[in-house]
Amino acid sequence: MNIYGSSTELKQAAEGGDVQAQLELGNAYRSGKSVEPSDELAFKWFKAAADGGNEKAYVEVALCYMYGKGTQQDSDSAMKYFLTAADGGDERAQIYVGINYADGKGVERNLDKAKEYLEKAAKSGDAFALKLIEEINKTV
C-alpha cells in the first residue's frame, strides 16, 4: 500500500516531482499493480526518481539498462547506475558491481575491484557475496 492512496494521487505526486512517488509509480508499472503494466513507463519513472536523487531508484534504472526493460540494453549505463548505488551503500548494487567487474560487463574485467565490492556486501553477512568471493579466490 502506498502513502498516496489512489493511483491517480500517486501519478499526480510523481508528475509533481515527488521522487518517492516516482519510484513507487515505476514499481506499479513494472508489476502492473493498479495500472496497466509497461516496461517503458516503469523505466521513465525509475529514471525520473534516480535523476531526482532517489538512491533506491538507481538500482532499478541499472536493472532496466542491464536487461533492456523499457529501454535499450546498455551495460555501460547499467554499470554507471550500479556504481552510484553501490558507492552509496546499497548491498544489492555492490553485488551487481562485483559480478560485473568479475565478468567485465560495462567495465574492464578487474577481479580486485570485484572482490572489493563483494566484500562490502559481505560485511552485512550476505551469503551470496561470500560465495562469489570464494569463487573469485579459486580463479586467482
C-alpha atoms as a PDB file:
ATOM      1  CA  MET A   1       0.000   0.000   0.000  1.00  0.00           C
ATOM      2  CA  ASN A   2       1.452   3.332  -0.982  1.00  0.00           C
ATOM      3  CA  ILE A   3       1.043   6.503   1.049  1.00  0.00           C
ATOM      4  CA  TYR A   4      -0.592   8.277  -1.875  1.00  0.00           C
ATOM      5  CA  GLY A   5      -3.938   6.471  -1.758  1.00  0.00           C
ATOM      6  CA  SER A   6      -5.199   6.041  -5.301  1.00  0.00           C
ATOM      7  CA  SER A   7      -3.147   5.525  -8.435  1.00  0.00           C
ATOM      8  CA  THR A   8      -4.381   8.942  -9.587  1.00  0.00           C
ATOM      9  CA  GLU A   9      -2.899  10.590  -6.493  1.00  0.00           C
ATOM     10  CA  LEU A  10       0.315   8.637  -6.997  1.00  0.00           C
ATOM     11  CA  LYS A  11       0.577   9.825 -10.621  1.00  0.00           C
ATOM     12  CA  GLN A  12      -0.105  13.423  -9.587  1.00  0.00           C
ATOM     13  CA  ALA A  13       2.609  13.287  -6.919  1.00  0.00           C
ATOM     14  CA  ALA A  14       5.072  11.718  -9.387  1.00  0.00           C
ATOM     15  CA  GLU A  15       4.276  14.299 -12.056  1.00  0.00           C
ATOM     16  CA  GLY A  16       4.771  16.984  -9.405  1.00  0.00           C
ATOM     17  CA  GLY A  17       8.349  15.825  -8.844  1.00  0.00           C
ATOM     18  CA  ASP A  18       7.954  13.675  -5.711  1.00  0.00           C
ATOM     19  CA  VAL A  19      10.850  11.212  -6.167  1.00  0.00           C
ATOM     20  CA  GLN A  20       9.375   8.617  -3.796  1.00  0.00           C
ATOM     21  CA  ALA A  21       6.125   8.717  -5.787  1.00  0.00           C
ATOM     22  CA  GLN A  22       8.140   8.369  -8.993  1.00  0.00           C
ATOM     23  CA  LEU A  23       9.840   5.246  -7.626  1.00  0.00           C
ATOM     24  CA  GLU A  24       6.519   3.774  -6.483  1.00  0.00           C
ATOM     25  CA  LEU A  25       4.894   4.565  -9.818  1.00  0.00           C
ATOM     26  CA  GLY A  26       7.775   2.841 -11.591  1.00  0.00           C
ATOM     27  CA  ASN A  27       7.218  -0.201  -9.391  1.00  0.00           C
ATOM     28  CA  ALA A  28       3.483  -0.092 -10.162  1.00  0.00           C
ATOM     29  CA  TYR A  29       4.107  -0.036 -13.915  1.00  0.00           C
ATOM     30  CA  ARG A  30       6.644  -2.851 -13.628  1.00  0.00           C
ATOM     31  CA  SER A  31       4.278  -5.070 -11.629  1.00  0.00           C
ATOM     32  CA  GLY A  32       1.003  -3.966 -13.199  1.00  0.00           C
ATOM     33  CA  LYS A  33      -0.388  -3.218  -9.747  1.00  0.00           C
ATOM     34  CA  SER A  34      -3.228  -0.653 -10.083  1.00  0.00           C
ATOM     35  CA  VAL A  35      -2.040   0.374 -13.583  1.00  0.00           C
ATOM     36  CA  GLU A  36      -1.565  -1.340 -16.944  1.00  0.00           C
ATOM     37  CA  PRO A  37       1.950  -2.886 -16.911  1.00  0.00           C
ATOM     38  CA  SER A  38       4.514  -1.064 -19.046  1.00  0.00           C
ATOM     39  CA  ASP A  39       8.283  -1.542 -19.044  1.00  0.00           C
ATOM     40  CA  GLU A  40       8.695   1.789 -20.841  1.00  0.00           C
ATOM     41  CA  LEU A  41       6.692   3.739 -18.243  1.00  0.00           C
ATOM     42  CA  ALA A  42       8.395   1.865 -15.414  1.00  0.00           C
ATOM     43  CA  PHE A  43      11.780   2.915 -16.793  1.00  0.00           C
ATOM     44  CA  LYS A  44      10.594   6.513 -17.299  1.00  0.00           C
ATOM     45  CA  TRP A  45       9.558   6.841 -13.662  1.00  0.00           C
ATOM     46  CA  PHE A  46      12.557   4.965 -12.243  1.00  0.00           C
ATOM     47  CA  LYS A  47      14.831   7.276 -14.249  1.00  0.00           C
ATOM     48  CA  ALA A  48      12.972  10.377 -13.055  1.00  0.00           C
ATOM     49  CA  ALA A  49      13.327   9.216  -9.442  1.00  0.00           C
ATOM     50  CA  ALA A  50      17.041   8.464  -9.915  1.00  0.00           C
ATOM     51  CA  ASP A  51      17.618  11.821 -11.610  1.00  0.00           C
ATOM     52  CA  GLY A  52      15.933  13.382  -8.577  1.00  0.00           C
ATOM     53  CA  GLY A  53      18.381  11.633  -6.245  1.00  0.00           C
ATOM     54  CA  ASN A  54      16.307   8.682  -5.027  1.00  0.00           C
ATOM     55  CA  GLU A  55      19.009   6.150  -4.176  1.00  0.00           C
ATOM     56  CA  LYS A  56      16.732   3.107  -4.431  1.00  0.00           C
ATOM     57  CA  ALA A  57      15.856   4.116  -7.981  1.00  0.00           C
ATOM     58  CA  TYR A  58      19.498   3.856  -9.123  1.00  0.00           C
ATOM     59  CA  VAL A  59      19.371   0.057  -8.880  1.00  0.00           C
ATOM     60  CA  GLU A  60      16.035  -0.094 -10.703  1.00  0.00           C
ATOM     61  CA  VAL A  61      17.381   2.040 -13.574  1.00  0.00           C
ATOM     62  CA  ALA A  62      20.519  -0.102 -13.695  1.00  0.00           C
ATOM     63  CA  LEU A  63      18.435  -3.275 -13.945  1.00  0.00           C
ATOM     64  CA  CYS A  64      16.364  -1.768 -16.764  1.00  0.00           C
ATOM     65  CA  TYR A  65      19.552  -0.994 -18.689  1.00  0.00           C
ATOM     66  CA  MET A  66      21.082  -4.365 -17.860  1.00  0.00           C
ATOM     67  CA  TYR A  67      18.118  -6.361 -19.170  1.00  0.00           C
ATOM     68  CA  GLY A  68      16.806  -3.913 -21.776  1.00  0.00           C
ATOM     69  CA  LYS A  69      13.488  -3.442 -19.949  1.00  0.00           C
ATOM     70  CA  GLY A  70      11.774  -0.287 -21.171  1.00  0.00           C
ATOM     71  CA  THR A  71      14.965   0.977 -22.771  1.00  0.00           C
ATOM     72  CA  GLN A  72      17.853  -0.226 -24.910  1.00  0.00           C
ATOM     73  CA  GLN A  73      20.135  -2.740 -23.227  1.00  0.00           C
ATOM     74  CA  ASP A  74      23.277  -0.833 -22.240  1.00  0.00           C
ATOM     75  CA  SER A  75      25.879  -2.453 -19.967  1.00  0.00           C
ATOM     76  CA  ASP A  76      27.849   0.782 -19.605  1.00  0.00           C
ATOM     77  CA  SER A  77      24.836   2.746 -18.381  1.00  0.00           C
ATOM     78  CA  ALA A  78      23.797  -0.121 -16.118  1.00  0.00           C
ATOM     79  CA  MET A  79      27.219  -0.120 -14.510  1.00  0.00           C
ATOM     80  CA  LYS A  80      27.131   3.663 -14.042  1.00  0.00           C
ATOM     81  CA  TYR A  81      23.895   3.423 -12.043  1.00  0.00           C
ATOM     82  CA  PHE A  82      25.006   0.315 -10.144  1.00  0.00           C
ATOM     83  CA  LEU A  83      28.224   2.102  -9.130  1.00  0.00           C
ATOM     84  CA  THR A  84      26.322   5.147  -7.886  1.00  0.00           C
ATOM     85  CA  ALA A  85      24.079   2.938  -5.752  1.00  0.00           C
ATOM     86  CA  ALA A  86      26.937   0.699  -4.588  1.00  0.00           C
ATOM     87  CA  ASP A  87      29.073   3.648  -3.547  1.00  0.00           C
ATOM     88  CA  GLY A  88      26.040   4.912  -1.626  1.00  0.00           C
ATOM     89  CA  GLY A  89      25.990   1.657   0.352  1.00  0.00           C
ATOM     90  CA  ASP A  90      23.317  -0.353  -1.476  1.00  0.00           C
ATOM     91  CA  GLU A  91      24.181  -4.002  -0.858  1.00  0.00           C
ATOM     92  CA  ARG A  92      22.327  -5.340  -3.892  1.00  0.00           C
ATOM     93  CA  ALA A  93      24.180  -2.874  -6.139  1.00  0.00           C
ATOM     94  CA  GLN A  94      27.502  -3.858  -4.540  1.00  0.00           C
ATOM     95  CA  ILE A  95      26.854  -7.460  -5.558  1.00  0.00           C
ATOM     96  CA  TYR A  96      25.975  -6.470  -9.136  1.00  0.00           C
ATOM     97  CA  VAL A  97      29.077  -4.270  -9.363  1.00  0.00           C
ATOM     98  CA  GLY A  98      31.210  -7.144  -8.093  1.00  0.00           C
ATOM     99  CA  ILE A  99      29.719  -9.528 -10.636  1.00  0.00           C
ATOM    100  CA  ASN A 100      30.130  -7.010 -13.463  1.00  0.00           C
ATOM    101  CA  TYR A 101      33.784  -6.406 -12.586  1.00  0.00           C
ATOM    102  CA  ALA A 102      34.357 -10.162 -12.436  1.00  0.00           C
ATOM    103  CA  ASP A 103      32.676 -10.673 -15.816  1.00  0.00           C
ATOM    104  CA  GLY A 104      33.881  -7.468 -17.494  1.00  0.00           C
ATOM    105  CA  LYS A 105      30.339  -6.223 -18.179  1.00  0.00           C
ATOM    106  CA  GLY A 106      30.194  -2.466 -18.633  1.00  0.00           C
ATOM    107  CA  VAL A 107      33.744  -2.161 -17.272  1.00  0.00           C
ATOM    108  CA  GLU A 108      37.129  -3.697 -17.848  1.00  0.00           C
ATOM    109  CA  ARG A 109      37.431  -7.017 -16.029  1.00  0.00           C
ATOM    110  CA  ASN A 110      39.075  -6.447 -12.644  1.00  0.00           C
ATOM    111  CA  LEU A 111      38.965  -9.202 -10.042  1.00  0.00           C
ATOM    112  CA  ASP A 112      40.416  -6.954  -7.321  1.00  0.00           C
ATOM    113  CA  LYS A 113      37.589  -4.449  -7.808  1.00  0.00           C
ATOM    114  CA  ALA A 114      35.098  -7.320  -7.951  1.00  0.00           C
ATOM    115  CA  LYS A 115      36.281  -8.582  -4.578  1.00  0.00           C
ATOM    116  CA  GLU A 116      36.311  -5.049  -3.137  1.00  0.00           C
ATOM    117  CA  TYR A 117      32.611  -4.541  -3.871  1.00  0.00           C
ATOM    118  CA  LEU A 118      31.612  -8.066  -2.920  1.00  0.00           C
ATOM    119  CA  GLU A 119      33.433  -7.679   0.396  1.00  0.00           C
ATOM    120  CA  LYS A 120      31.389  -4.534   1.086  1.00  0.00           C
ATOM    121  CA  ALA A 121      28.207  -6.571   0.592  1.00  0.00           C
ATOM    122  CA  ALA A 122      29.601  -9.483   2.589  1.00  0.00           C
ATOM    123  CA  LYS A 123      30.203  -7.262   5.633  1.00  0.00           C
ATOM    124  CA  SER A 124      26.494  -7.480   6.361  1.00  0.00           C
ATOM    125  CA  GLY A 125      26.697 -11.268   6.139  1.00  0.00           C
ATOM    126  CA  ASP A 126      25.329 -11.689   2.631  1.00  0.00           C
ATOM    127  CA  ALA A 127      25.898 -15.374   1.875  1.00  0.00           C
ATOM    128  CA  PHE A 128      25.747 -14.900  -1.897  1.00  0.00           C
ATOM    129  CA  ALA A 129      28.500 -12.271  -1.794  1.00  0.00           C
ATOM    130  CA  LEU A 130      30.631 -14.582   0.345  1.00  0.00           C
ATOM    131  CA  LYS A 131      30.130 -17.433  -2.144  1.00  0.00           C
ATOM    132  CA  LEU A 132      31.128 -15.192  -5.054  1.00  0.00           C
ATOM    133  CA  ILE A 133      34.300 -14.114  -3.238  1.00  0.00           C
ATOM    134  CA  GLU A 134      35.186 -17.794  -2.738  1.00  0.00           C
ATOM    135  CA  GLU A 135      34.667 -18.428  -6.457  1.00  0.00           C
ATOM    136  CA  ILE A 136      36.922 -15.498  -7.404  1.00  0.00           C
ATOM    137  CA  ASN A 137      39.586 -16.684  -4.962  1.00  0.00           C
ATOM    138  CA  LYS A 138      39.600 -20.075  -6.709  1.00  0.00           C
ATOM    139  CA  THR A 139      40.403 -18.452 -10.047  1.00  0.00           C
ATOM    140  CA  VAL A 140      43.382 -16.365  -8.910  1.00  0.00           C
END
